[in-house]
Amino acid sequence: MNQPVHVITLAEVLPPYQNTVIETLRHVAELTRQEEGCLRFDVYCDRAQPTRINTIETWADEEALKRHRSTPYVNTAILSLVGKVAGIPQMRVLNVVDQLD
């Protein structure tokens, strides 16, 4: 049985680009939520440091995540963020140990 896949991505946005990055991620979220296998895709900013942006995703399975990562709009968005975030965003793919259903 396929398990859902959870992904958290953490990025530090350079302050002059905060609005641009948020708009890009909102657009990505809108398109992503329409994909087959996307169970959830949310964009957050840290309350204490709003330039810290997080995406939290849940996918039906590894195959759905793989399809998502290969979509042209994801690749375009990633390229558009180069130079607007500090360093390389940290992506964590998580296995469920225990969760509330």
N, C-alpha and C. Protein backbone atom coordinates (compact mmCIF):
# COMPACT_ATOMS: atom_id res chain seq x y z
N MET A 1 0.84 -1.19 0.00
CA MET A 1 0.00 0.00 0.00
C MET A 1 0.89 1.25 0.00
N ASN A 2 0.56 2.19 -0.86
CA ASN A 2 1.31 3.44 -0.92
C ASN A 2 0.95 4.34 0.26
N GLN A 3 1.96 4.93 0.84
CA GLN A 3 1.79 5.87 1.94
C GLN A 3 1.82 7.29 1.38
N PRO A 4 1.05 8.20 1.97
CA PRO A 4 1.20 9.60 1.58
C PRO A 4 2.62 10.09 1.88
N VAL A 5 3.05 11.05 1.09
CA VAL A 5 4.39 11.63 1.24
C VAL A 5 4.23 13.07 1.70
N HIS A 6 4.95 13.42 2.75
CA HIS A 6 4.90 14.77 3.30
C HIS A 6 6.23 15.45 3.02
N VAL A 7 6.17 16.71 2.59
CA VAL A 7 7.38 17.46 2.26
C VAL A 7 7.29 18.83 2.91
N ILE A 8 8.38 19.22 3.55
CA ILE A 8 8.50 20.57 4.09
C ILE A 8 9.71 21.22 3.43
N THR A 9 9.52 22.40 2.88
CA THR A 9 10.62 23.14 2.29
C THR A 9 10.76 24.46 3.05
N LEU A 10 11.99 24.77 3.43
CA LEU A 10 12.29 25.98 4.20
C LEU A 10 13.22 26.86 3.38
N ALA A 11 12.88 28.13 3.26
CA ALA A 11 13.72 29.07 2.51
C ALA A 11 13.78 30.41 3.25
N GLU A 12 14.92 31.05 3.13
CA GLU A 12 15.12 32.40 3.69
C GLU A 12 15.12 33.36 2.50
N VAL A 13 14.10 34.19 2.42
CA VAL A 13 13.95 35.12 1.31
C VAL A 13 14.76 36.38 1.59
N LEU A 14 15.45 36.87 0.58
CA LEU A 14 16.15 38.15 0.71
C LEU A 14 15.08 39.25 0.79
N PRO A 15 15.16 40.12 1.79
CA PRO A 15 14.08 41.09 2.06
C PRO A 15 13.56 41.87 0.85
N PRO A 16 14.40 42.34 -0.08
CA PRO A 16 13.82 43.12 -1.19
C PRO A 16 12.90 42.29 -2.10
N TYR A 17 12.99 40.96 -2.00
CA TYR A 17 12.23 40.08 -2.90
C TYR A 17 11.07 39.37 -2.21
N GLN A 18 10.79 39.74 -0.97
CA GLN A 18 9.78 39.01 -0.21
C GLN A 18 8.43 38.94 -0.93
N ASN A 19 7.92 40.06 -1.38
CA ASN A 19 6.61 40.07 -2.05
C ASN A 19 6.64 39.27 -3.35
N THR A 20 7.72 39.39 -4.11
CA THR A 20 7.85 38.66 -5.37
C THR A 20 7.85 37.15 -5.12
N VAL A 21 8.61 36.72 -4.13
CA VAL A 21 8.70 35.29 -3.82
C VAL A 21 7.34 34.77 -3.33
N ILE A 22 6.68 35.52 -2.47
CA ILE A 22 5.37 35.09 -1.98
C ILE A 22 4.38 34.97 -3.12
N GLU A 23 4.38 35.91 -4.03
CA GLU A 23 3.46 35.84 -5.17
C GLU A 23 3.78 34.63 -6.06
N THR A 24 5.05 34.37 -6.27
CA THR A 24 5.45 33.20 -7.06
C THR A 24 4.95 31.93 -6.39
N LEU A 25 5.14 31.81 -5.07
CA LEU A 25 4.72 30.61 -4.36
C LEU A 25 3.20 30.49 -4.30
N ARG A 26 2.49 31.59 -4.24
CA ARG A 26 1.02 31.54 -4.30
C ARG A 26 0.57 30.97 -5.64
N HIS A 27 1.24 31.41 -6.70
CA HIS A 27 0.91 30.90 -8.04
C HIS A 27 1.21 29.41 -8.13
N VAL A 28 2.38 29.00 -7.62
CA VAL A 28 2.74 27.58 -7.61
C VAL A 28 1.70 26.79 -6.82
N ALA A 29 1.30 27.31 -5.67
CA ALA A 29 0.31 26.61 -4.83
C ALA A 29 -1.00 26.43 -5.57
N GLU A 30 -1.44 27.47 -6.25
CA GLU A 30 -2.71 27.40 -7.00
C GLU A 30 -2.65 26.30 -8.05
N LEU A 31 -1.57 26.23 -8.80
CA LEU A 31 -1.43 25.21 -9.84
C LEU A 31 -1.24 23.82 -9.23
N THR A 32 -0.45 23.75 -8.19
CA THR A 32 -0.14 22.47 -7.55
C THR A 32 -1.39 21.82 -6.99
N ARG A 33 -2.24 22.60 -6.38
CA ARG A 33 -3.47 22.06 -5.77
C ARG A 33 -4.40 21.42 -6.79
N GLN A 34 -4.19 21.70 -8.06
CA GLN A 34 -5.00 21.11 -9.13
C GLN A 34 -4.42 19.80 -9.64
N GLU A 35 -3.21 19.48 -9.22
CA GLU A 35 -2.55 18.27 -9.70
C GLU A 35 -3.16 17.01 -9.09
N GLU A 36 -3.22 15.97 -9.91
CA GLU A 36 -3.64 14.67 -9.41
C GLU A 36 -2.63 14.19 -8.36
N GLY A 37 -3.13 13.76 -7.24
CA GLY A 37 -2.26 13.25 -6.19
C GLY A 37 -1.85 14.29 -5.15
N CYS A 38 -2.16 15.56 -5.39
CA CYS A 38 -1.86 16.58 -4.39
C CYS A 38 -2.97 16.57 -3.35
N LEU A 39 -2.60 16.25 -2.13
CA LEU A 39 -3.58 16.25 -1.05
C LEU A 39 -3.57 17.57 -0.29
N ARG A 40 -2.41 18.25 -0.32
CA ARG A 40 -2.30 19.54 0.37
C ARG A 40 -1.03 20.24 -0.10
N PHE A 41 -1.12 21.56 -0.25
CA PHE A 41 0.04 22.39 -0.55
C PHE A 41 -0.22 23.75 0.05
N ASP A 42 0.54 24.08 1.09
CA ASP A 42 0.34 25.34 1.80
C ASP A 42 1.65 26.12 1.86
N VAL A 43 1.53 27.45 1.88
CA VAL A 43 2.68 28.34 1.97
C VAL A 43 2.54 29.15 3.26
N TYR A 44 3.61 29.19 4.04
CA TYR A 44 3.60 29.89 5.32
C TYR A 44 4.81 30.81 5.43
N CYS A 45 4.68 31.85 6.24
CA CYS A 45 5.86 32.61 6.64
C CYS A 45 5.93 32.59 8.16
N ASP A 46 7.13 32.66 8.67
CA ASP A 46 7.39 32.63 10.10
C ASP A 46 6.87 33.93 10.73
N ARG A 47 6.15 33.85 11.81
CA ARG A 47 5.62 35.05 12.47
C ARG A 47 6.73 35.96 12.96
N ALA A 48 7.76 35.39 13.54
CA ALA A 48 8.85 36.19 14.11
C ALA A 48 9.79 36.72 13.03
N GLN A 49 9.97 35.96 11.95
CA GLN A 49 10.85 36.38 10.86
C GLN A 49 10.15 36.10 9.53
N PRO A 50 9.35 37.05 9.06
CA PRO A 50 8.52 36.83 7.87
C PRO A 50 9.28 36.50 6.58
N THR A 51 10.60 36.71 6.57
CA THR A 51 11.36 36.33 5.38
C THR A 51 11.67 34.83 5.35
N ARG A 52 11.33 34.13 6.42
CA ARG A 52 11.46 32.66 6.42
C ARG A 52 10.15 32.08 5.90
N ILE A 53 10.23 31.50 4.72
CA ILE A 53 9.06 30.97 4.04
C ILE A 53 9.13 29.44 4.06
N ASN A 54 7.98 28.82 4.30
CA ASN A 54 7.87 27.36 4.33
C ASN A 54 6.76 26.91 3.40
N THR A 55 6.97 25.82 2.72
CA THR A 55 5.87 25.14 2.07
C THR A 55 5.71 23.79 2.75
N ILE A 56 4.46 23.40 2.92
CA ILE A 56 4.14 22.10 3.51
C ILE A 56 3.22 21.40 2.52
N GLU A 57 3.66 20.24 2.06
CA GLU A 57 2.96 19.51 1.01
C GLU A 57 2.62 18.11 1.49
N THR A 58 1.51 17.60 1.00
CA THR A 58 1.18 16.19 1.18
C THR A 58 0.74 15.63 -0.16
N TRP A 59 1.36 14.53 -0.53
CA TRP A 59 1.11 13.87 -1.81
C TRP A 59 0.58 12.47 -1.56
N ALA A 60 -0.24 11.99 -2.46
CA ALA A 60 -0.83 10.67 -2.32
C ALA A 60 0.23 9.58 -2.26
N ASP A 61 1.31 9.76 -3.02
CA ASP A 61 2.38 8.77 -3.05
C ASP A 61 3.62 9.37 -3.71
N GLU A 62 4.69 8.60 -3.74
CA GLU A 62 5.95 9.06 -4.33
C GLU A 62 5.80 9.41 -5.81
N GLU A 63 4.99 8.67 -6.52
CA GLU A 63 4.79 8.92 -7.95
C GLU A 63 4.17 10.29 -8.19
N ALA A 64 3.20 10.67 -7.37
CA ALA A 64 2.56 11.99 -7.51
C ALA A 64 3.58 13.10 -7.26
N LEU A 65 4.42 12.92 -6.24
CA LEU A 65 5.47 13.91 -5.96
C LEU A 65 6.45 13.98 -7.13
N LYS A 66 6.83 12.85 -7.67
CA LYS A 66 7.76 12.81 -8.80
C LYS A 66 7.17 13.55 -10.01
N ARG A 67 5.89 13.33 -10.29
CA ARG A 67 5.24 14.04 -11.42
C ARG A 67 5.26 15.54 -11.17
N HIS A 68 4.94 15.93 -9.93
CA HIS A 68 4.91 17.35 -9.58
C HIS A 68 6.27 18.00 -9.83
N ARG A 69 7.31 17.35 -9.37
CA ARG A 69 8.66 17.92 -9.50
C ARG A 69 9.11 18.07 -10.95
N SER A 70 8.48 17.34 -11.85
CA SER A 70 8.88 17.42 -13.26
C SER A 70 8.00 18.36 -14.08
N THR A 71 7.04 19.04 -13.46
CA THR A 71 6.17 19.94 -14.21
C THR A 71 6.94 21.19 -14.63
N PRO A 72 6.66 21.69 -15.82
CA PRO A 72 7.36 22.90 -16.29
C PRO A 72 7.19 24.09 -15.37
N TYR A 73 6.02 24.28 -14.78
CA TYR A 73 5.83 25.47 -13.94
C TYR A 73 6.66 25.40 -12.66
N VAL A 74 6.92 24.21 -12.13
CA VAL A 74 7.78 24.10 -10.95
C VAL A 74 9.20 24.47 -11.32
N ASN A 75 9.68 23.96 -12.44
CA ASN A 75 11.04 24.30 -12.88
C ASN A 75 11.18 25.79 -13.16
N THR A 76 10.18 26.39 -13.77
CA THR A 76 10.20 27.83 -14.05
C THR A 76 10.23 28.62 -12.74
N ALA A 77 9.41 28.20 -11.77
CA ALA A 77 9.37 28.90 -10.48
C ALA A 77 10.71 28.80 -9.77
N ILE A 78 11.30 27.61 -9.76
CA ILE A 78 12.60 27.44 -9.11
C ILE A 78 13.63 28.37 -9.73
N LEU A 79 13.69 28.40 -11.04
CA LEU A 79 14.65 29.28 -11.72
C LEU A 79 14.38 30.75 -11.42
N SER A 80 13.11 31.12 -11.29
CA SER A 80 12.77 32.53 -11.03
C SER A 80 13.17 32.96 -9.62
N LEU A 81 13.38 32.00 -8.72
CA LEU A 81 13.73 32.32 -7.33
C LEU A 81 15.24 32.41 -7.10
N VAL A 82 16.02 32.02 -8.10
CA VAL A 82 17.48 32.11 -7.96
C VAL A 82 17.87 33.56 -7.73
N GLY A 83 18.67 33.80 -6.70
CA GLY A 83 19.09 35.15 -6.35
C GLY A 83 18.12 35.91 -5.47
N LYS A 84 16.97 35.31 -5.22
CA LYS A 84 15.96 35.95 -4.37
C LYS A 84 15.85 35.29 -3.00
N VAL A 85 16.52 34.15 -2.85
CA VAL A 85 16.56 33.45 -1.56
C VAL A 85 18.02 33.27 -1.16
N ALA A 86 18.24 33.23 0.14
CA ALA A 86 19.60 33.04 0.65
C ALA A 86 19.95 31.56 0.61
N GLY A 87 21.01 31.24 -0.08
CA GLY A 87 21.44 29.85 -0.14
C GLY A 87 20.46 28.96 -0.87
N ILE A 88 20.52 27.69 -0.55
CA ILE A 88 19.66 26.69 -1.18
C ILE A 88 18.55 26.33 -0.19
N PRO A 89 17.29 26.40 -0.62
CA PRO A 89 16.20 26.00 0.28
C PRO A 89 16.40 24.56 0.78
N GLN A 90 16.02 24.33 2.01
CA GLN A 90 16.10 22.99 2.60
C GLN A 90 14.79 22.26 2.35
N MET A 91 14.88 21.11 1.69
CA MET A 91 13.70 20.30 1.43
C MET A 91 13.81 19.02 2.26
N ARG A 92 12.75 18.73 2.99
CA ARG A 92 12.72 17.53 3.82
C ARG A 92 11.52 16.68 3.42
N VAL A 93 11.79 15.46 3.00
CA VAL A 93 10.74 14.49 2.68
C VAL A 93 10.60 13.62 3.92
N LEU A 94 9.38 13.56 4.47
CA LEU A 94 9.16 12.93 5.77
C LEU A 94 8.41 11.61 5.66
N ASN A 95 8.77 10.68 6.53
CA ASN A 95 8.01 9.45 6.73
C ASN A 95 7.17 9.62 7.98
N VAL A 96 5.94 9.14 7.93
CA VAL A 96 5.05 9.23 9.08
C VAL A 96 5.49 8.21 10.12
N VAL A 97 5.64 8.68 11.34
CA VAL A 97 5.91 7.81 12.47
C VAL A 97 4.60 7.64 13.26
N ASP A 98 3.92 8.76 13.46
CA ASP A 98 2.65 8.76 14.17
C ASP A 98 1.92 10.03 13.78
N GLN A 99 0.66 9.95 13.44
CA GLN A 99 -0.10 11.15 13.09
C GLN A 99 -1.56 10.98 13.45
N LEU A 100 -2.23 12.09 13.64
CA LEU A 100 -3.65 12.10 13.91
C LEU A 100 -4.38 11.94 12.59
N ASP A 101 -5.24 10.99 12.48
CA ASP A 101 -5.99 10.78 11.22
C ASP A 101 -7.24 11.60 11.18
